[in-house]
Amino acid sequence: TYPAATLENPPAVRKRVQLPLVHTGEPGTVNLTGQ
């Protein structure tokens, strides 16, 4: 057996997307297509 190797460059931390992505005064006023 041997000690577990430590990562020199840990994987990037993924962050959550906050919805709505586009803040407006009116819900549904921006046409958010996949593109």
PDB file of all heavy atoms in Angstrom:
ATOM      1  N   THR A   1       0.857  -1.188   0.000  1.00  0.00           N
ATOM      2  CA  THR A   1       0.000   0.000   0.000  1.00  0.00           C
ATOM      3  C   THR A   1       0.886   1.228   0.000  1.00  0.00           C
ATOM      4  O   THR A   1       2.052   1.167   0.371  1.00  0.00           O
ATOM      5  CB  THR A   1      -0.915   0.030   1.245  1.00  0.00           C
ATOM      6  OG1 THR A   1      -0.111   0.055   2.406  1.00  0.00           O
ATOM      7  CG2 THR A   1      -1.830  -1.176   1.286  1.00  0.00           C
ATOM      8  N   TYR A   2       0.298   2.338  -0.407  1.00  0.00           N
ATOM      9  CA  TYR A   2       1.023   3.604  -0.411  1.00  0.00           C
ATOM     10  C   TYR A   2       0.023   4.724  -0.153  1.00  0.00           C
ATOM     11  O   TYR A   2      -1.168   4.568  -0.393  1.00  0.00           O
ATOM     12  CB  TYR A   2       1.770   3.813  -1.734  1.00  0.00           C
ATOM     13  CG  TYR A   2       0.858   3.820  -2.933  1.00  0.00           C
ATOM     14  CD1 TYR A   2       0.349   5.008  -3.436  1.00  0.00           C
ATOM     15  CD2 TYR A   2       0.493   2.633  -3.554  1.00  0.00           C
ATOM     16  CE1 TYR A   2      -0.499   5.016  -4.518  1.00  0.00           C
ATOM     17  CE2 TYR A   2      -0.353   2.632  -4.646  1.00  0.00           C
ATOM     18  CZ  TYR A   2      -0.843   3.827  -5.123  1.00  0.00           C
ATOM     19  OH  TYR A   2      -1.690   3.825  -6.200  1.00  0.00           O
ATOM     20  N   PRO A   3       0.488   5.855   0.342  1.00  0.00           N
ATOM     21  CA  PRO A   3      -0.433   6.972   0.608  1.00  0.00           C
ATOM     22  C   PRO A   3      -1.029   7.488  -0.697  1.00  0.00           C
ATOM     23  O   PRO A   3      -0.370   7.467  -1.739  1.00  0.00           O
ATOM     24  CB  PRO A   3       0.432   8.042   1.265  1.00  0.00           C
ATOM     25  CG  PRO A   3       1.786   7.465   1.400  1.00  0.00           C
ATOM     26  CD  PRO A   3       1.837   6.154   0.715  1.00  0.00           C
ATOM     27  N   ALA A   4      -2.259   7.930  -0.625  1.00  0.00           N
ATOM     28  CA  ALA A   4      -2.915   8.478  -1.816  1.00  0.00           C
ATOM     29  C   ALA A   4      -2.160   9.717  -2.287  1.00  0.00           C
ATOM     30  O   ALA A   4      -1.714  10.533  -1.482  1.00  0.00           O
ATOM     31  CB  ALA A   4      -4.354   8.820  -1.506  1.00  0.00           C
ATOM     32  N   ALA A   5      -2.038   9.841  -3.578  1.00  0.00           N
ATOM     33  CA  ALA A   5      -1.352  10.995  -4.154  1.00  0.00           C
ATOM     34  C   ALA A   5      -2.233  12.223  -4.021  1.00  0.00           C
ATOM     35  O   ALA A   5      -3.452  12.143  -4.126  1.00  0.00           O
ATOM     36  CB  ALA A   5      -1.038  10.725  -5.624  1.00  0.00           C
ATOM     37  N   THR A   6      -1.624  13.366  -3.780  1.00  0.00           N
ATOM     38  CA  THR A   6      -2.378  14.621  -3.733  1.00  0.00           C
ATOM     39  C   THR A   6      -2.288  15.285  -5.095  1.00  0.00           C
ATOM     40  O   THR A   6      -1.258  15.197  -5.782  1.00  0.00           O
ATOM     41  CB  THR A   6      -1.823  15.571  -2.658  1.00  0.00           C
ATOM     42  OG1 THR A   6      -0.445  15.820  -2.951  1.00  0.00           O
ATOM     43  CG2 THR A   6      -1.955  14.966  -1.268  1.00  0.00           C
ATOM     44  N   LEU A   7      -3.358  15.943  -5.483  1.00  0.00           N
ATOM     45  CA  LEU A   7      -3.381  16.624  -6.771  1.00  0.00           C
ATOM     46  C   LEU A   7      -2.698  17.980  -6.650  1.00  0.00           C
ATOM     47  O   LEU A   7      -3.023  18.768  -5.764  1.00  0.00           O
ATOM     48  CB  LEU A   7      -4.828  16.814  -7.238  1.00  0.00           C
ATOM     49  CG  LEU A   7      -5.629  15.539  -7.469  1.00  0.00           C
ATOM     50  CD1 LEU A   7      -7.070  15.903  -7.801  1.00  0.00           C
ATOM     51  CD2 LEU A   7      -5.017  14.727  -8.585  1.00  0.00           C
ATOM     52  N   GLU A   8      -1.759  18.246  -7.545  1.00  0.00           N
ATOM     53  CA  GLU A   8      -1.099  19.546  -7.539  1.00  0.00           C
ATOM     54  C   GLU A   8      -2.061  20.630  -8.011  1.00  0.00           C
ATOM     55  O   GLU A   8      -2.071  21.728  -7.498  1.00  0.00           O
ATOM     56  CB  GLU A   8       0.142  19.513  -8.437  1.00  0.00           C
ATOM     57  CG  GLU A   8       1.267  18.684  -7.851  1.00  0.00           C
ATOM     58  CD  GLU A   8       2.495  18.710  -8.733  1.00  0.00           C
ATOM     59  OE1 GLU A   8       2.663  19.657  -9.512  1.00  0.00           O
ATOM     60  OE2 GLU A   8       3.300  17.773  -8.626  1.00  0.00           O
ATOM     61  N   ASN A   9      -2.857  20.300  -9.015  1.00  0.00           N
ATOM     62  CA  ASN A   9      -3.837  21.245  -9.555  1.00  0.00           C
ATOM     63  C   ASN A   9      -5.221  20.626  -9.376  1.00  0.00           C
ATOM     64  O   ASN A   9      -5.668  19.859 -10.212  1.00  0.00           O
ATOM     65  CB  ASN A   9      -3.576  21.512 -11.040  1.00  0.00           C
ATOM     66  CG  ASN A   9      -2.245  22.180 -11.257  1.00  0.00           C
ATOM     67  OD1 ASN A   9      -1.851  23.026 -10.485  1.00  0.00           O
ATOM     68  ND2 ASN A   9      -1.547  21.802 -12.314  1.00  0.00           N
ATOM     69  N   PRO A  10      -5.914  20.942  -8.279  1.00  0.00           N
ATOM     70  CA  PRO A  10      -7.231  20.348  -8.072  1.00  0.00           C
ATOM     71  C   PRO A  10      -8.184  20.759  -9.188  1.00  0.00           C
ATOM     72  O   PRO A  10      -8.007  21.811  -9.802  1.00  0.00           O
ATOM     73  CB  PRO A  10      -7.682  20.918  -6.727  1.00  0.00           C
ATOM     74  CG  PRO A  10      -6.812  22.084  -6.477  1.00  0.00           C
ATOM     75  CD  PRO A  10      -5.555  21.884  -7.264  1.00  0.00           C
ATOM     76  N   PRO A  11      -9.187  19.948  -9.477  1.00  0.00           N
ATOM     77  CA  PRO A  11     -10.115  20.281 -10.558  1.00  0.00           C
ATOM     78  C   PRO A  11     -10.847  21.587 -10.258  1.00  0.00           C
ATOM     79  O   PRO A  11     -11.026  21.960  -9.092  1.00  0.00           O
ATOM     80  CB  PRO A  11     -11.091  19.104 -10.575  1.00  0.00           C
ATOM     81  CG  PRO A  11     -10.875  18.372  -9.296  1.00  0.00           C
ATOM     82  CD  PRO A  11      -9.516  18.707  -8.809  1.00  0.00           C
ATOM     83  N   ALA A  12     -11.221  22.281 -11.315  1.00  0.00           N
ATOM     84  CA  ALA A  12     -11.911  23.556 -11.165  1.00  0.00           C
ATOM     85  C   ALA A  12     -13.233  23.352 -10.424  1.00  0.00           C
ATOM     86  O   ALA A  12     -13.899  22.348 -10.594  1.00  0.00           O
ATOM     87  CB  ALA A  12     -12.173  24.166 -12.536  1.00  0.00           C
ATOM     88  N   VAL A  13     -13.542  24.308  -9.594  1.00  0.00           N
ATOM     89  CA  VAL A  13     -14.790  24.245  -8.848  1.00  0.00           C
ATOM     90  C   VAL A  13     -15.921  24.699  -9.760  1.00  0.00           C
ATOM     91  O   VAL A  13     -15.844  25.760 -10.377  1.00  0.00           O
ATOM     92  CB  VAL A  13     -14.718  25.154  -7.597  1.00  0.00           C
ATOM     93  CG1 VAL A  13     -16.040  25.164  -6.864  1.00  0.00           C
ATOM     94  CG2 VAL A  13     -13.588  24.712  -6.693  1.00  0.00           C
ATOM     95  N   ARG A  14     -16.938  23.877  -9.855  1.00  0.00           N
ATOM     96  CA  ARG A  14     -18.083  24.230 -10.678  1.00  0.00           C
ATOM     97  C   ARG A  14     -19.022  25.097  -9.848  1.00  0.00           C
ATOM     98  O   ARG A  14     -19.246  24.834  -8.692  1.00  0.00           O
ATOM     99  CB  ARG A  14     -18.808  22.976 -11.135  1.00  0.00           C
ATOM    100  CG  ARG A  14     -17.905  22.082 -11.997  1.00  0.00           C
ATOM    101  CD  ARG A  14     -18.579  20.820 -12.338  1.00  0.00           C
ATOM    102  NE  ARG A  14     -19.510  21.105 -13.427  1.00  0.00           N
ATOM    103  CZ  ARG A  14     -20.316  20.218 -13.964  1.00  0.00           C
ATOM    104  NH1 ARG A  14     -20.340  19.001 -13.515  1.00  0.00           N
ATOM    105  NH2 ARG A  14     -21.126  20.544 -14.939  1.00  0.00           N
ATOM    106  N   LYS A  15     -19.535  26.151 -10.454  1.00  0.00           N
ATOM    107  CA  LYS A  15     -20.462  26.984  -9.720  1.00  0.00           C
ATOM    108  C   LYS A  15     -21.854  26.880 -10.339  1.00  0.00           C
ATOM    109  O   LYS A  15     -22.001  26.645 -11.531  1.00  0.00           O
ATOM    110  CB  LYS A  15     -19.999  28.433  -9.667  1.00  0.00           C
ATOM    111  CG  LYS A  15     -19.981  29.152 -10.999  1.00  0.00           C
ATOM    112  CD  LYS A  15     -19.544  30.591 -10.802  1.00  0.00           C
ATOM    113  CE  LYS A  15     -19.679  31.353 -12.113  1.00  0.00           C
ATOM    114  NZ  LYS A  15     -19.398  32.751 -11.952  1.00  0.00           N
ATOM    115  N   ARG A  16     -22.824  27.053  -9.498  1.00  0.00           N
ATOM    116  CA  ARG A  16     -24.208  26.968  -9.945  1.00  0.00           C
ATOM    117  C   ARG A  16     -24.594  28.236 -10.692  1.00  0.00           C
ATOM    118  O   ARG A  16     -24.126  29.319 -10.384  1.00  0.00           O
ATOM    119  CB  ARG A  16     -25.137  26.769  -8.766  1.00  0.00           C
ATOM    120  CG  ARG A  16     -24.951  25.428  -8.113  1.00  0.00           C
ATOM    121  CD  ARG A  16     -25.908  25.296  -6.941  1.00  0.00           C
ATOM    122  NE  ARG A  16     -25.728  24.006  -6.321  1.00  0.00           N
ATOM    123  CZ  ARG A  16     -26.562  22.988  -6.489  1.00  0.00           C
ATOM    124  NH1 ARG A  16     -27.635  23.121  -7.225  1.00  0.00           N
ATOM    125  NH2 ARG A  16     -26.330  21.848  -5.898  1.00  0.00           N
ATOM    126  N   VAL A  17     -25.497  28.075 -11.637  1.00  0.00           N
ATOM    127  CA  VAL A  17     -26.026  29.205 -12.377  1.00  0.00           C
ATOM    128  C   VAL A  17     -27.227  29.740 -11.616  1.00  0.00           C
ATOM    129  O   VAL A  17     -28.099  28.984 -11.202  1.00  0.00           O
ATOM    130  CB  VAL A  17     -26.445  28.770 -13.801  1.00  0.00           C
ATOM    131  CG1 VAL A  17     -27.105  29.909 -14.536  1.00  0.00           C
ATOM    132  CG2 VAL A  17     -25.244  28.264 -14.568  1.00  0.00           C
ATOM    133  N   GLN A  18     -27.266  31.041 -11.401  1.00  0.00           N
ATOM    134  CA  GLN A  18     -28.391  31.657 -10.704  1.00  0.00           C
ATOM    135  C   GLN A  18     -29.428  32.063 -11.732  1.00  0.00           C
ATOM    136  O   GLN A  18     -29.113  32.744 -12.707  1.00  0.00           O
ATOM    137  CB  GLN A  18     -27.915  32.872  -9.915  1.00  0.00           C
ATOM    138  CG  GLN A  18     -29.028  33.546  -9.151  1.00  0.00           C
ATOM    139  CD  GLN A  18     -28.560  34.786  -8.410  1.00  0.00           C
ATOM    140  OE1 GLN A  18     -27.391  35.129  -8.458  1.00  0.00           O
ATOM    141  NE2 GLN A  18     -29.458  35.444  -7.742  1.00  0.00           N
ATOM    142  N   LEU A  19     -30.655  31.634 -11.522  1.00  0.00           N
ATOM    143  CA  LEU A  19     -31.735  31.978 -12.428  1.00  0.00           C
ATOM    144  C   LEU A  19     -32.560  33.088 -11.820  1.00  0.00           C
ATOM    145  O   LEU A  19     -32.769  33.104 -10.607  1.00  0.00           O
ATOM    146  CB  LEU A  19     -32.604  30.749 -12.698  1.00  0.00           C
ATOM    147  CG  LEU A  19     -31.873  29.604 -13.417  1.00  0.00           C
ATOM    148  CD1 LEU A  19     -32.765  28.406 -13.528  1.00  0.00           C
ATOM    149  CD2 LEU A  19     -31.360  30.033 -14.768  1.00  0.00           C
ATOM    150  N   PRO A  20     -33.078  34.026 -12.542  1.00  0.00           N
ATOM    151  CA  PRO A  20     -32.967  34.152 -13.990  1.00  0.00           C
ATOM    152  C   PRO A  20     -31.581  34.662 -14.394  1.00  0.00           C
ATOM    153  O   PRO A  20     -30.959  35.421 -13.663  1.00  0.00           O
ATOM    154  CB  PRO A  20     -34.054  35.164 -14.342  1.00  0.00           C
ATOM    155  CG  PRO A  20     -34.190  35.997 -13.127  1.00  0.00           C
ATOM    156  CD  PRO A  20     -33.901  35.080 -11.970  1.00  0.00           C
ATOM    157  N   LEU A  21     -31.155  34.246 -15.562  1.00  0.00           N
ATOM    158  CA  LEU A  21     -29.853  34.678 -16.048  1.00  0.00           C
ATOM    159  C   LEU A  21     -29.884  36.155 -16.453  1.00  0.00           C
ATOM    160  O   LEU A  21     -28.881  36.838 -16.368  1.00  0.00           O
ATOM    161  CB  LEU A  21     -29.424  33.825 -17.246  1.00  0.00           C
ATOM    162  CG  LEU A  21     -29.151  32.364 -16.941  1.00  0.00           C
ATOM    163  CD1 LEU A  21     -28.909  31.588 -18.223  1.00  0.00           C
ATOM    164  CD2 LEU A  21     -27.965  32.213 -16.015  1.00  0.00           C
ATOM    165  N   VAL A  22     -31.034  36.583 -16.947  1.00  0.00           N
ATOM    166  CA  VAL A  22     -31.195  37.973 -17.350  1.00  0.00           C
ATOM    167  C   VAL A  22     -32.242  38.588 -16.444  1.00  0.00           C
ATOM    168  O   VAL A  22     -33.399  38.187 -16.449  1.00  0.00           O
ATOM    169  CB  VAL A  22     -31.638  38.078 -18.828  1.00  0.00           C
ATOM    170  CG1 VAL A  22     -31.831  39.519 -19.222  1.00  0.00           C
ATOM    171  CG2 VAL A  22     -30.621  37.405 -19.724  1.00  0.00           C
ATOM    172  N   HIS A  23     -31.842  39.560 -15.620  1.00  0.00           N
ATOM    173  CA  HIS A  23     -32.765  40.198 -14.685  1.00  0.00           C
ATOM    174  C   HIS A  23     -33.515  41.324 -15.404  1.00  0.00           C
ATOM    175  O   HIS A  23     -32.893  42.208 -15.985  1.00  0.00           O
ATOM    176  CB  HIS A  23     -32.002  40.745 -13.478  1.00  0.00           C
ATOM    177  CG  HIS A  23     -31.316  39.678 -12.687  1.00  0.00           C
ATOM    178  ND1 HIS A  23     -31.986  38.912 -11.766  1.00  0.00           N
ATOM    179  CD2 HIS A  23     -30.036  39.222 -12.698  1.00  0.00           C
ATOM    180  CE1 HIS A  23     -31.152  38.042 -11.232  1.00  0.00           C
ATOM    181  NE2 HIS A  23     -29.957  38.201 -11.779  1.00  0.00           N
ATOM    182  N   THR A  24     -34.826  41.260 -15.389  1.00  0.00           N
ATOM    183  CA  THR A  24     -35.657  42.313 -15.974  1.00  0.00           C
ATOM    184  C   THR A  24     -36.792  42.600 -15.007  1.00  0.00           C
ATOM    185  O   THR A  24     -37.056  41.829 -14.087  1.00  0.00           O
ATOM    186  CB  THR A  24     -36.247  41.884 -17.330  1.00  0.00           C
ATOM    187  OG1 THR A  24     -37.146  40.792 -17.111  1.00  0.00           O
ATOM    188  CG2 THR A  24     -35.174  41.482 -18.320  1.00  0.00           C
ATOM    189  N   GLY A  25     -37.494  43.699 -15.248  1.00  0.00           N
ATOM    190  CA  GLY A  25     -38.627  44.051 -14.412  1.00  0.00           C
ATOM    191  C   GLY A  25     -39.861  43.225 -14.735  1.00  0.00           C
ATOM    192  O   GLY A  25     -40.790  43.130 -13.948  1.00  0.00           O
ATOM    193  N   GLU A  26     -39.875  42.622 -15.904  1.00  0.00           N
ATOM    194  CA  GLU A  26     -41.032  41.857 -16.359  1.00  0.00           C
ATOM    195  C   GLU A  26     -40.619  40.414 -16.647  1.00  0.00           C
ATOM    196  O   GLU A  26     -39.740  40.181 -17.464  1.00  0.00           O
ATOM    197  CB  GLU A  26     -41.589  42.462 -17.657  1.00  0.00           C
ATOM    198  CG  GLU A  26     -42.011  43.907 -17.544  1.00  0.00           C
ATOM    199  CD  GLU A  26     -43.297  44.063 -16.759  1.00  0.00           C
ATOM    200  OE1 GLU A  26     -44.174  43.185 -16.884  1.00  0.00           O
ATOM    201  OE2 GLU A  26     -43.410  45.060 -16.020  1.00  0.00           O
ATOM    202  N   PRO A  27     -41.251  39.457 -15.980  1.00  0.00           N
ATOM    203  CA  PRO A  27     -40.907  38.065 -16.293  1.00  0.00           C
ATOM    204  C   PRO A  27     -41.345  37.706 -17.707  1.00  0.00           C
ATOM    205  O   PRO A  27     -42.397  38.143 -18.177  1.00  0.00           O
ATOM    206  CB  PRO A  27     -41.690  37.258 -15.251  1.00  0.00           C
ATOM    207  CG  PRO A  27     -42.718  38.184 -14.700  1.00  0.00           C
ATOM    208  CD  PRO A  27     -42.249  39.577 -14.949  1.00  0.00           C
ATOM    209  N   GLY A  28     -40.528  36.975 -18.388  1.00  0.00           N
ATOM    210  CA  GLY A  28     -40.863  36.502 -19.735  1.00  0.00           C
ATOM    211  C   GLY A  28     -40.684  37.532 -20.819  1.00  0.00           C
ATOM    212  O   GLY A  28     -41.185  37.358 -21.921  1.00  0.00           O
ATOM    213  N   THR A  29     -39.957  38.629 -20.546  1.00  0.00           N
ATOM    214  CA  THR A  29     -39.797  39.661 -21.566  1.00  0.00           C
ATOM    215  C   THR A  29     -38.596  39.422 -22.468  1.00  0.00           C
ATOM    216  O   THR A  29     -38.441  40.089 -23.473  1.00  0.00           O
ATOM    217  CB  THR A  29     -39.648  41.045 -20.918  1.00  0.00           C
ATOM    218  OG1 THR A  29     -38.508  41.024 -20.063  1.00  0.00           O
ATOM    219  CG2 THR A  29     -40.891  41.425 -20.148  1.00  0.00           C
ATOM    220  N   VAL A  30     -37.748  38.500 -22.105  1.00  0.00           N
ATOM    221  CA  VAL A  30     -36.550  38.228 -22.899  1.00  0.00           C
ATOM    222  C   VAL A  30     -36.691  36.843 -23.512  1.00  0.00           C
ATOM    223  O   VAL A  30     -36.998  35.878 -22.820  1.00  0.00           O
ATOM    224  CB  VAL A  30     -35.278  38.298 -22.020  1.00  0.00           C
ATOM    225  CG1 VAL A  30     -34.044  37.978 -22.840  1.00  0.00           C
ATOM    226  CG2 VAL A  30     -35.154  39.657 -21.374  1.00  0.00           C
ATOM    227  N   ASN A  31     -36.463  36.756 -24.821  1.00  0.00           N
ATOM    228  CA  ASN A  31     -36.558  35.471 -25.516  1.00  0.00           C
ATOM    229  C   ASN A  31     -35.245  34.722 -25.314  1.00  0.00           C
ATOM    230  O   ASN A  31     -34.241  35.024 -25.951  1.00  0.00           O
ATOM    231  CB  ASN A  31     -36.835  35.689 -27.005  1.00  0.00           C
ATOM    232  CG  ASN A  31     -37.035  34.380 -27.735  1.00  0.00           C
ATOM    233  OD1 ASN A  31     -37.283  33.357 -27.107  1.00  0.00           O
ATOM    234  ND2 ASN A  31     -36.934  34.410 -29.041  1.00  0.00           N
ATOM    235  N   LEU A  32     -35.237  33.774 -24.388  1.00  0.00           N
ATOM    236  CA  LEU A  32     -34.018  33.038 -24.070  1.00  0.00           C
ATOM    237  C   LEU A  32     -34.002  31.718 -24.832  1.00  0.00           C
ATOM    238  O   LEU A  32     -34.541  30.720 -24.388  1.00  0.00           O
ATOM    239  CB  LEU A  32     -33.921  32.788 -22.561  1.00  0.00           C
ATOM    240  CG  LEU A  32     -33.741  34.023 -21.696  1.00  0.00           C
ATOM    241  CD1 LEU A  32     -33.729  33.638 -20.225  1.00  0.00           C
ATOM    242  CD2 LEU A  32     -32.472  34.757 -22.059  1.00  0.00           C
ATOM    243  N   THR A  33     -33.362  31.731 -25.970  1.00  0.00           N
ATOM    244  CA  THR A  33     -33.171  30.499 -26.729  1.00  0.00           C
ATOM    245  C   THR A  33     -31.928  29.797 -26.206  1.00  0.00           C
ATOM    246  O   THR A  33     -31.135  30.387 -25.455  1.00  0.00           O
ATOM    247  CB  THR A  33     -32.979  30.814 -28.227  1.00  0.00           C
ATOM    248  OG1 THR A  33     -31.781  31.589 -28.374  1.00  0.00           O
ATOM    249  CG2 THR A  33     -34.174  31.568 -28.800  1.00  0.00           C
ATOM    250  N   GLY A  34     -31.745  28.564 -26.584  1.00  0.00           N
ATOM    251  CA  GLY A  34     -30.542  27.833 -26.183  1.00  0.00           C
ATOM    252  C   GLY A  34     -29.284  28.554 -26.613  1.00  0.00           C
ATOM    253  O   GLY A  34     -28.309  28.637 -25.872  1.00  0.00           O
ATOM    254  N   GLN A  35     -29.299  29.103 -27.835  1.00  0.00           N
ATOM    255  CA  GLN A  35     -28.122  29.812 -28.332  1.00  0.00           C
ATOM    256  C   GLN A  35     -27.873  31.085 -27.522  1.00  0.00           C
ATOM    257  O   GLN A  35     -26.739  31.412 -27.194  1.00  0.00           O
ATOM    258  CB  GLN A  35     -28.273  30.154 -29.806  1.00  0.00           C
ATOM    259  CG  GLN A  35     -27.055  30.907 -30.331  1.00  0.00           C
ATOM    260  CD  GLN A  35     -26.959  30.909 -31.832  1.00  0.00           C
ATOM    261  OE1 GLN A  35     -27.638  30.139 -32.488  1.00  0.00           O
ATOM    262  NE2 GLN A  35     -26.123  31.760 -32.357  1.00  0.00           N
TER     263      GLN A  35
END
